[in-house]
Amino acid sequence: MQRNHRKAARTLSLTCCGLFAAAIVVACRGEGNGSAASVSMSDTLARAATQVKPGQSVAAAGSEPLDYTPPSDSAIPNDPMGAAIRRGRAIFVRTTDSLPRHAPGNIQCASCHVDAGRRRDAAALIGVHARYPKYLDRSAAVIPIEDRINYCFTRSLAGTRLPNESREMQDMVAYLAFLSQGVPIGARVKGEGIPKMPELTGDSARGAQLFATTCAICHGADGQGNSPAFPALWGAASYSIGASMAREERAAAFIRHFMPQNNPGSLTDQQAYDLAAYINSQPRPDSPGKENDWPAGGAARDVPYDTQGHKAYRPPARLIPRRNPGGAIVPAPVSVHARGSSVR
């Protein structure tokens, strides 16, 4: 009997949480600029009640991703929380200026997360705060959003991790939370990530010729870019071999949809692959600990380094050692029992 009461109470609690979250998202989607929709709370709750079954999360109530638009920057409040959100946004846009010790290269967060994370299909950050904590198969662990940010710092920026409790880290988390207002926990949104490409093989020789005529004008013939608008594409100031962009398909997808900046979408799938093959064949920073990625197997076919059950796919010509190898590793969460601590 007591077990049944607890089960019923838990079901009611989940239902109420789902209704509340659904009410928030319905209200927020009424206006794209972050203002409240012109419906009453009772109407909103009634509408949500018809969409969410008892014990079902809002994310599971519909199979389609949410068509979500985050509030505009003008909706950032003028208070201490708003100050943190603005600082977080500034870090995303001018990472190397804001945190030169942790991001010493020539690449910003916004180099991949276009328009400060707002542009759909360009590794958009909208709604991302609602999807963490999350299981990451690459590390075979459930990680908080702070660890995911640090994976970007250590891999995509070829820098060093930030302390999770630092103000700068929490400023970035505050900005991501702002971009995720109204998104129910666990929900997907339209435009997250980068669209997948058909499985092709790039030709680096063709890519070299195309780079000279299409990309060098912004990124330079040496691929070192011009900060902050044009990131370095290889060398010590670029992304590491452990970054998603070091995969040929992921780089091709970004190039195909968003490059060149003055004429995005003008390249064919094959041209995008050729450019990705050429760029990723160049020397780039190492990613310490990469051999421990995907410990249970399952690495994508184009991961350019050896992992469990996977041989490197077209690795770069040379790996550049990191100045602070220990700071370039994000350790997976460890149980307090494994550390020899006791729970009190």
Protein backbone atom coordinates (compact mmCIF):
# COMPACT_ATOMS: atom_id res chain seq x y z
CA MET A 1 0.00 0.00 0.00
CA GLN A 2 2.75 2.46 0.96
CA ARG A 3 4.60 1.63 -2.25
CA ASN A 4 1.46 2.37 -4.29
CA HIS A 5 1.04 5.74 -2.53
CA ARG A 6 4.62 6.66 -3.33
CA LYS A 7 4.16 5.64 -6.98
CA ALA A 8 0.97 7.68 -7.27
CA ALA A 9 2.60 10.69 -5.67
CA ARG A 10 5.55 10.45 -8.04
CA THR A 11 3.25 10.20 -11.07
CA LEU A 12 1.31 13.27 -9.90
CA SER A 13 4.53 15.16 -9.34
CA LEU A 14 5.84 14.35 -12.82
CA THR A 15 2.51 15.32 -14.35
CA CYS A 16 2.46 18.66 -12.55
CA CYS A 17 6.07 19.36 -13.54
CA GLY A 18 5.24 18.50 -17.14
CA LEU A 19 2.19 20.75 -17.14
CA PHE A 20 4.16 23.62 -15.66
CA ALA A 21 6.95 23.25 -18.22
CA ALA A 22 4.43 22.98 -21.05
CA ALA A 23 2.70 26.11 -19.78
CA ILE A 24 5.97 27.98 -19.88
CA VAL A 25 6.83 26.94 -23.43
CA VAL A 26 3.34 27.70 -24.76
CA ALA A 27 3.41 31.13 -23.14
CA CYS A 28 6.91 31.93 -24.34
CA ARG A 29 6.22 30.85 -27.91
CA GLY A 30 3.46 33.42 -28.20
CA GLU A 31 5.96 36.16 -28.94
CA GLY A 32 9.38 35.75 -30.56
CA ASN A 33 10.84 38.73 -28.73
CA GLY A 34 10.52 37.22 -25.27
CA SER A 35 7.33 39.01 -24.21
CA ALA A 36 4.48 37.09 -22.61
CA ALA A 37 1.75 35.67 -24.82
CA SER A 38 -1.72 37.17 -24.53
CA VAL A 39 -3.36 34.09 -23.01
CA SER A 40 -4.36 33.44 -19.44
CA MET A 41 -2.46 30.95 -17.29
CA SER A 42 -5.61 28.86 -16.89
CA ASP A 43 -5.99 28.64 -20.68
CA THR A 44 -2.35 27.67 -21.01
CA LEU A 45 -2.59 24.95 -18.36
CA ALA A 46 -5.78 23.59 -19.93
CA ARG A 47 -4.11 23.41 -23.33
CA ALA A 48 -1.03 21.73 -21.84
CA ALA A 49 -3.20 19.19 -20.03
CA THR A 50 -4.56 17.94 -23.36
CA GLN A 51 -1.03 17.41 -24.73
CA VAL A 52 0.78 15.72 -21.83
CA LYS A 53 -0.30 12.36 -20.45
CA PRO A 54 0.03 11.54 -16.73
CA GLY A 55 3.60 10.55 -15.89
CA GLN A 56 4.86 11.63 -19.32
CA SER A 57 7.54 14.29 -19.78
CA VAL A 58 6.82 17.25 -22.01
CA ALA A 59 9.75 16.23 -24.23
CA ALA A 60 8.10 12.85 -24.86
CA ALA A 61 4.64 14.32 -25.48
CA GLY A 62 5.51 15.27 -29.07
CA SER A 63 7.94 13.55 -31.43
CA GLU A 64 8.74 16.70 -33.40
CA PRO A 65 11.44 19.13 -32.22
CA LEU A 66 10.17 22.44 -30.90
CA ASP A 67 10.04 25.37 -33.32
CA TYR A 68 11.66 27.61 -30.75
CA THR A 69 12.92 31.18 -31.01
CA PRO A 70 14.95 32.44 -28.05
CA PRO A 71 14.36 35.89 -26.56
CA SER A 72 16.26 38.73 -28.18
CA ASP A 73 19.27 40.31 -26.51
CA SER A 74 17.12 43.34 -25.72
CA ALA A 75 15.19 41.10 -23.30
CA ILE A 76 18.27 40.56 -21.11
CA PRO A 77 17.34 42.12 -17.74
CA ASN A 78 19.19 45.09 -16.28
CA ASP A 79 20.16 43.40 -13.03
CA PRO A 80 23.02 41.21 -11.74
CA MET A 81 21.68 38.20 -13.65
CA GLY A 82 21.53 40.25 -16.81
CA ALA A 83 25.12 41.37 -16.26
CA ALA A 84 26.20 37.73 -16.05
CA ILE A 85 24.29 36.88 -19.26
CA ARG A 86 25.98 39.76 -21.10
CA ARG A 87 29.40 38.72 -19.86
CA GLY A 88 28.70 35.16 -20.99
CA ARG A 89 27.66 36.34 -24.44
CA ALA A 90 30.83 38.43 -24.72
CA ILE A 91 32.94 35.36 -23.94
CA PHE A 92 31.22 33.36 -26.67
CA VAL A 93 31.77 36.10 -29.25
CA ARG A 94 35.30 37.23 -28.31
CA THR A 95 36.68 34.19 -26.54
CA THR A 96 40.37 34.78 -27.19
CA ASP A 97 40.19 38.38 -25.96
CA SER A 98 38.09 37.48 -22.92
CA LEU A 99 40.08 34.42 -21.79
CA PRO A 100 43.50 34.46 -23.47
CA ARG A 101 45.04 32.02 -20.97
CA HIS A 102 42.31 29.45 -21.63
CA ALA A 103 41.80 30.16 -25.36
CA PRO A 104 45.21 31.22 -26.68
CA GLY A 105 44.57 30.48 -30.35
CA ASN A 106 42.76 32.25 -33.17
CA ILE A 107 39.31 30.72 -32.90
CA GLN A 108 36.21 31.86 -30.98
CA CYS A 109 33.20 29.94 -29.68
CA ALA A 110 31.16 31.92 -32.23
CA SER A 111 33.40 30.70 -35.06
CA CYS A 112 31.34 27.49 -35.02
CA HIS A 113 28.29 28.62 -33.01
CA VAL A 114 27.35 31.30 -35.55
CA ASP A 115 25.55 34.49 -34.51
CA ALA A 116 26.49 33.91 -30.88
CA GLY A 117 24.77 30.52 -31.00
CA ARG A 118 21.47 31.77 -32.44
CA ARG A 119 21.67 30.66 -36.06
CA ARG A 120 19.82 27.43 -36.73
CA ASP A 121 21.75 24.46 -38.13
CA ALA A 122 25.05 26.21 -37.28
CA ALA A 123 25.75 24.33 -34.04
CA ALA A 124 22.99 26.44 -32.49
CA LEU A 125 23.04 26.86 -28.71
CA ILE A 126 19.31 27.52 -28.38
CA GLY A 127 17.71 25.02 -26.03
CA VAL A 128 21.04 23.37 -25.15
CA HIS A 129 20.75 24.22 -21.45
CA ALA A 130 17.60 22.06 -21.25
CA ARG A 131 19.48 18.96 -22.45
CA TYR A 132 22.02 18.72 -19.62
CA PRO A 133 23.06 16.76 -17.61
CA LYS A 134 23.48 14.39 -20.53
CA TYR A 135 25.12 11.05 -21.31
CA LEU A 136 28.06 11.54 -23.68
CA ASP A 137 29.12 8.33 -25.38
CA ARG A 138 32.55 9.75 -26.20
CA SER A 139 33.37 9.87 -22.50
CA ALA A 140 30.91 7.12 -21.45
CA ALA A 141 29.63 9.33 -18.63
CA VAL A 142 26.77 11.62 -17.67
CA ILE A 143 28.22 15.11 -17.70
CA PRO A 144 27.00 18.57 -16.65
CA ILE A 145 26.86 21.45 -19.10
CA GLU A 146 30.04 22.92 -17.60
CA ASP A 147 31.98 19.85 -18.73
CA ARG A 148 30.52 20.17 -22.23
CA ILE A 149 31.69 23.79 -22.38
CA ASN A 150 35.14 22.66 -21.25
CA TYR A 151 35.24 20.07 -24.02
CA CYS A 152 34.90 22.99 -26.42
CA PHE A 153 37.68 24.89 -24.68
CA THR A 154 40.08 21.94 -24.62
CA ARG A 155 39.27 20.46 -28.03
CA SER A 156 37.65 22.99 -30.39
CA LEU A 157 39.67 25.95 -29.06
CA ALA A 158 42.77 23.84 -28.28
CA GLY A 159 42.95 25.62 -24.92
CA THR A 160 42.68 24.67 -21.28
CA ARG A 161 39.65 23.93 -19.13
CA LEU A 162 37.98 26.53 -16.93
CA PRO A 163 37.16 25.77 -13.29
CA ASN A 164 33.48 24.86 -13.20
CA GLU A 165 32.95 27.15 -10.22
CA SER A 166 34.61 30.17 -11.86
CA ARG A 167 32.57 33.29 -12.56
CA GLU A 168 33.39 33.09 -16.26
CA MET A 169 32.07 29.55 -16.51
CA GLN A 170 28.86 30.47 -14.71
CA ASP A 171 28.49 33.54 -16.94
CA MET A 172 28.57 31.27 -19.98
CA VAL A 173 26.05 28.92 -18.39
CA ALA A 174 23.80 31.92 -17.64
CA TYR A 175 23.90 32.91 -21.33
CA LEU A 176 23.00 29.38 -22.42
CA ALA A 177 20.13 29.34 -19.92
CA PHE A 178 18.89 32.64 -21.38
CA LEU A 179 18.91 31.13 -24.89
CA SER A 180 16.91 28.17 -23.55
CA GLN A 181 14.09 29.97 -21.72
CA GLY A 182 10.83 28.10 -22.17
CA VAL A 183 12.39 24.89 -23.50
CA PRO A 184 11.25 21.90 -21.38
CA ILE A 185 13.96 19.74 -19.86
CA GLY A 186 15.10 17.12 -22.36
CA ALA A 187 13.30 18.67 -25.33
CA ARG A 188 14.87 18.97 -28.77
CA VAL A 189 14.56 22.11 -30.86
CA LYS A 190 14.66 22.68 -34.59
CA GLY A 191 18.03 23.75 -35.94
CA GLU A 192 20.29 22.26 -33.26
CA GLY A 193 23.57 20.81 -34.44
CA ILE A 194 24.72 20.88 -38.08
CA PRO A 195 22.86 18.97 -40.83
CA LYS A 196 24.42 15.63 -41.76
CA MET A 197 26.11 15.15 -45.11
CA PRO A 198 25.94 12.20 -47.51
CA GLU A 199 28.89 9.83 -47.11
CA LEU A 200 31.54 10.96 -49.59
CA THR A 201 35.34 11.02 -49.68
CA GLY A 202 37.21 14.27 -50.10
CA ASP A 203 40.15 14.85 -52.43
CA SER A 204 42.76 17.02 -50.72
CA ALA A 205 44.50 17.94 -54.01
CA ARG A 206 41.28 19.37 -55.41
CA GLY A 207 40.64 20.93 -52.02
CA ALA A 208 43.99 22.74 -52.11
CA GLN A 209 43.13 24.35 -55.45
CA LEU A 210 39.66 25.33 -54.26
CA PHE A 211 41.04 26.74 -51.01
CA ALA A 212 43.37 29.04 -52.94
CA THR A 213 40.52 30.51 -55.01
CA THR A 214 37.68 30.47 -52.46
CA CYS A 215 38.98 30.51 -48.87
CA ALA A 216 42.42 32.12 -48.82
CA ILE A 217 41.03 35.62 -49.27
CA CYS A 218 39.66 35.47 -45.69
CA HIS A 219 41.63 32.71 -43.96
CA GLY A 220 44.96 33.44 -45.67
CA ALA A 221 47.02 31.18 -47.89
CA ASP A 222 48.63 29.81 -44.73
CA GLY A 223 45.24 29.10 -43.13
CA GLN A 224 45.96 31.24 -40.09
CA GLY A 225 42.93 33.50 -40.45
CA ASN A 226 42.35 37.03 -39.19
CA SER A 227 40.93 37.26 -35.67
CA PRO A 228 38.18 37.48 -34.63
CA ALA A 229 36.13 37.20 -37.83
CA PHE A 230 38.17 34.52 -39.63
CA PRO A 231 39.56 31.69 -37.49
CA ALA A 232 42.75 29.75 -38.07
CA LEU A 233 41.97 26.51 -39.92
CA TRP A 234 45.17 24.67 -39.08
CA GLY A 235 48.36 25.11 -37.09
CA ALA A 236 48.88 25.73 -33.38
CA ALA A 237 46.14 28.40 -33.22
CA SER A 238 43.39 26.20 -34.70
CA TYR A 239 41.15 23.43 -33.42
CA SER A 240 42.65 20.20 -32.14
CA ILE A 241 42.42 16.72 -33.60
CA GLY A 242 39.87 15.94 -30.86
CA ALA A 243 37.38 18.56 -32.10
CA SER A 244 34.28 17.55 -34.02
CA MET A 245 35.46 19.81 -36.86
CA ALA A 246 38.52 17.56 -37.28
CA ARG A 247 36.13 14.93 -38.67
CA GLU A 248 35.88 15.21 -42.45
CA GLU A 249 32.08 14.90 -42.58
CA ARG A 250 31.49 17.48 -39.82
CA ALA A 251 33.86 19.99 -41.42
CA ALA A 252 32.29 19.37 -44.84
CA ALA A 253 28.81 19.99 -43.39
CA PHE A 254 29.83 23.35 -41.94
CA ILE A 255 31.60 24.37 -45.15
CA ARG A 256 28.70 23.26 -47.34
CA HIS A 257 26.08 25.27 -45.49
CA PHE A 258 27.94 28.35 -44.24
CA MET A 259 31.03 28.93 -46.37
CA PRO A 260 32.23 31.05 -48.00
CA GLN A 261 30.77 33.79 -45.82
CA ASN A 262 30.05 36.04 -48.80
CA ASN A 263 28.23 33.27 -50.70
CA PRO A 264 27.13 30.48 -48.34
CA GLY A 265 25.59 27.38 -49.88
CA SER A 266 27.30 27.93 -53.22
CA LEU A 267 29.60 24.90 -52.95
CA THR A 268 28.60 21.36 -53.89
CA ASP A 269 28.72 18.47 -51.42
CA GLN A 270 31.85 17.13 -53.12
CA GLN A 271 33.58 20.51 -53.06
CA ALA A 272 32.84 20.81 -49.35
CA TYR A 273 34.37 17.37 -48.76
CA ASP A 274 37.43 18.27 -50.86
CA LEU A 275 38.01 21.41 -48.79
CA ALA A 276 37.48 19.51 -45.54
CA ALA A 277 39.99 16.86 -46.63
CA TYR A 278 42.61 19.48 -47.46
CA ILE A 279 42.10 21.53 -44.30
CA ASN A 280 42.06 18.54 -41.97
CA SER A 281 45.18 17.05 -43.57
CA GLN A 282 47.22 19.98 -42.24
CA PRO A 283 49.12 20.01 -38.91
CA ARG A 284 47.01 20.81 -35.86
CA PRO A 285 47.13 20.60 -32.06
CA ASP A 286 47.04 17.23 -30.38
CA SER A 287 44.21 16.31 -27.97
CA PRO A 288 45.73 14.66 -24.89
CA GLY A 289 43.79 11.61 -23.71
CA LYS A 290 42.05 11.12 -27.06
CA GLU A 291 42.94 7.42 -27.03
CA ASN A 292 40.45 7.01 -24.18
CA ASP A 293 37.51 8.36 -26.19
CA TRP A 294 34.57 6.01 -26.86
CA PRO A 295 35.79 3.39 -24.34
CA ALA A 296 32.81 1.20 -25.25
CA GLY A 297 33.44 1.60 -28.98
CA GLY A 298 31.13 3.33 -31.44
CA ALA A 299 33.38 6.07 -32.83
CA ALA A 300 32.23 7.56 -36.14
CA ARG A 301 34.03 6.22 -39.21
CA ASP A 302 35.87 9.52 -39.86
CA VAL A 303 37.32 10.11 -36.39
CA PRO A 304 40.97 10.88 -37.28
CA TYR A 305 42.65 9.04 -34.39
CA ASP A 306 42.75 5.54 -32.92
CA THR A 307 40.15 4.66 -30.27
CA GLN A 308 38.59 1.46 -28.92
CA GLY A 309 37.84 -0.70 -31.97
CA HIS A 310 38.58 2.13 -34.41
CA LYS A 311 41.56 2.98 -36.60
CA ALA A 312 42.35 6.59 -37.41
CA TYR A 313 40.66 7.88 -40.56
CA ARG A 314 43.01 10.08 -42.65
CA PRO A 315 44.89 11.65 -39.71
CA PRO A 316 46.59 15.04 -40.16
CA ALA A 317 50.15 15.33 -41.39
CA ARG A 318 51.47 16.23 -37.94
CA LEU A 319 50.20 16.77 -34.42
CA ILE A 320 51.43 19.79 -32.47
CA PRO A 321 52.12 19.06 -28.76
CA ARG A 322 50.09 21.04 -26.24
CA ARG A 323 51.84 23.39 -23.82
CA ASN A 324 49.68 22.22 -20.89
CA PRO A 325 48.60 18.63 -21.59
CA GLY A 326 47.00 18.19 -18.15
CA GLY A 327 44.86 21.29 -18.58
CA ALA A 328 43.63 19.99 -21.93
CA ILE A 329 41.85 17.00 -20.38
CA VAL A 330 38.31 17.14 -18.96
CA PRO A 331 38.05 14.29 -16.45
CA ALA A 332 34.78 12.38 -16.33
CA PRO A 333 32.77 12.70 -13.09
CA VAL A 334 34.00 10.28 -10.42
CA SER A 335 32.02 8.83 -7.53
CA VAL A 336 32.93 10.11 -4.06
CA HIS A 337 33.27 6.46 -3.06
CA ALA A 338 35.86 5.92 -5.75
CA ARG A 339 37.79 8.89 -4.32
CA GLY A 340 37.82 7.31 -0.90
CA SER A 341 35.42 9.86 0.53
CA SER A 342 32.39 9.13 2.67
CA VAL A 343 28.85 10.39 2.28
CA ARG A 344 27.48 12.05 5.43
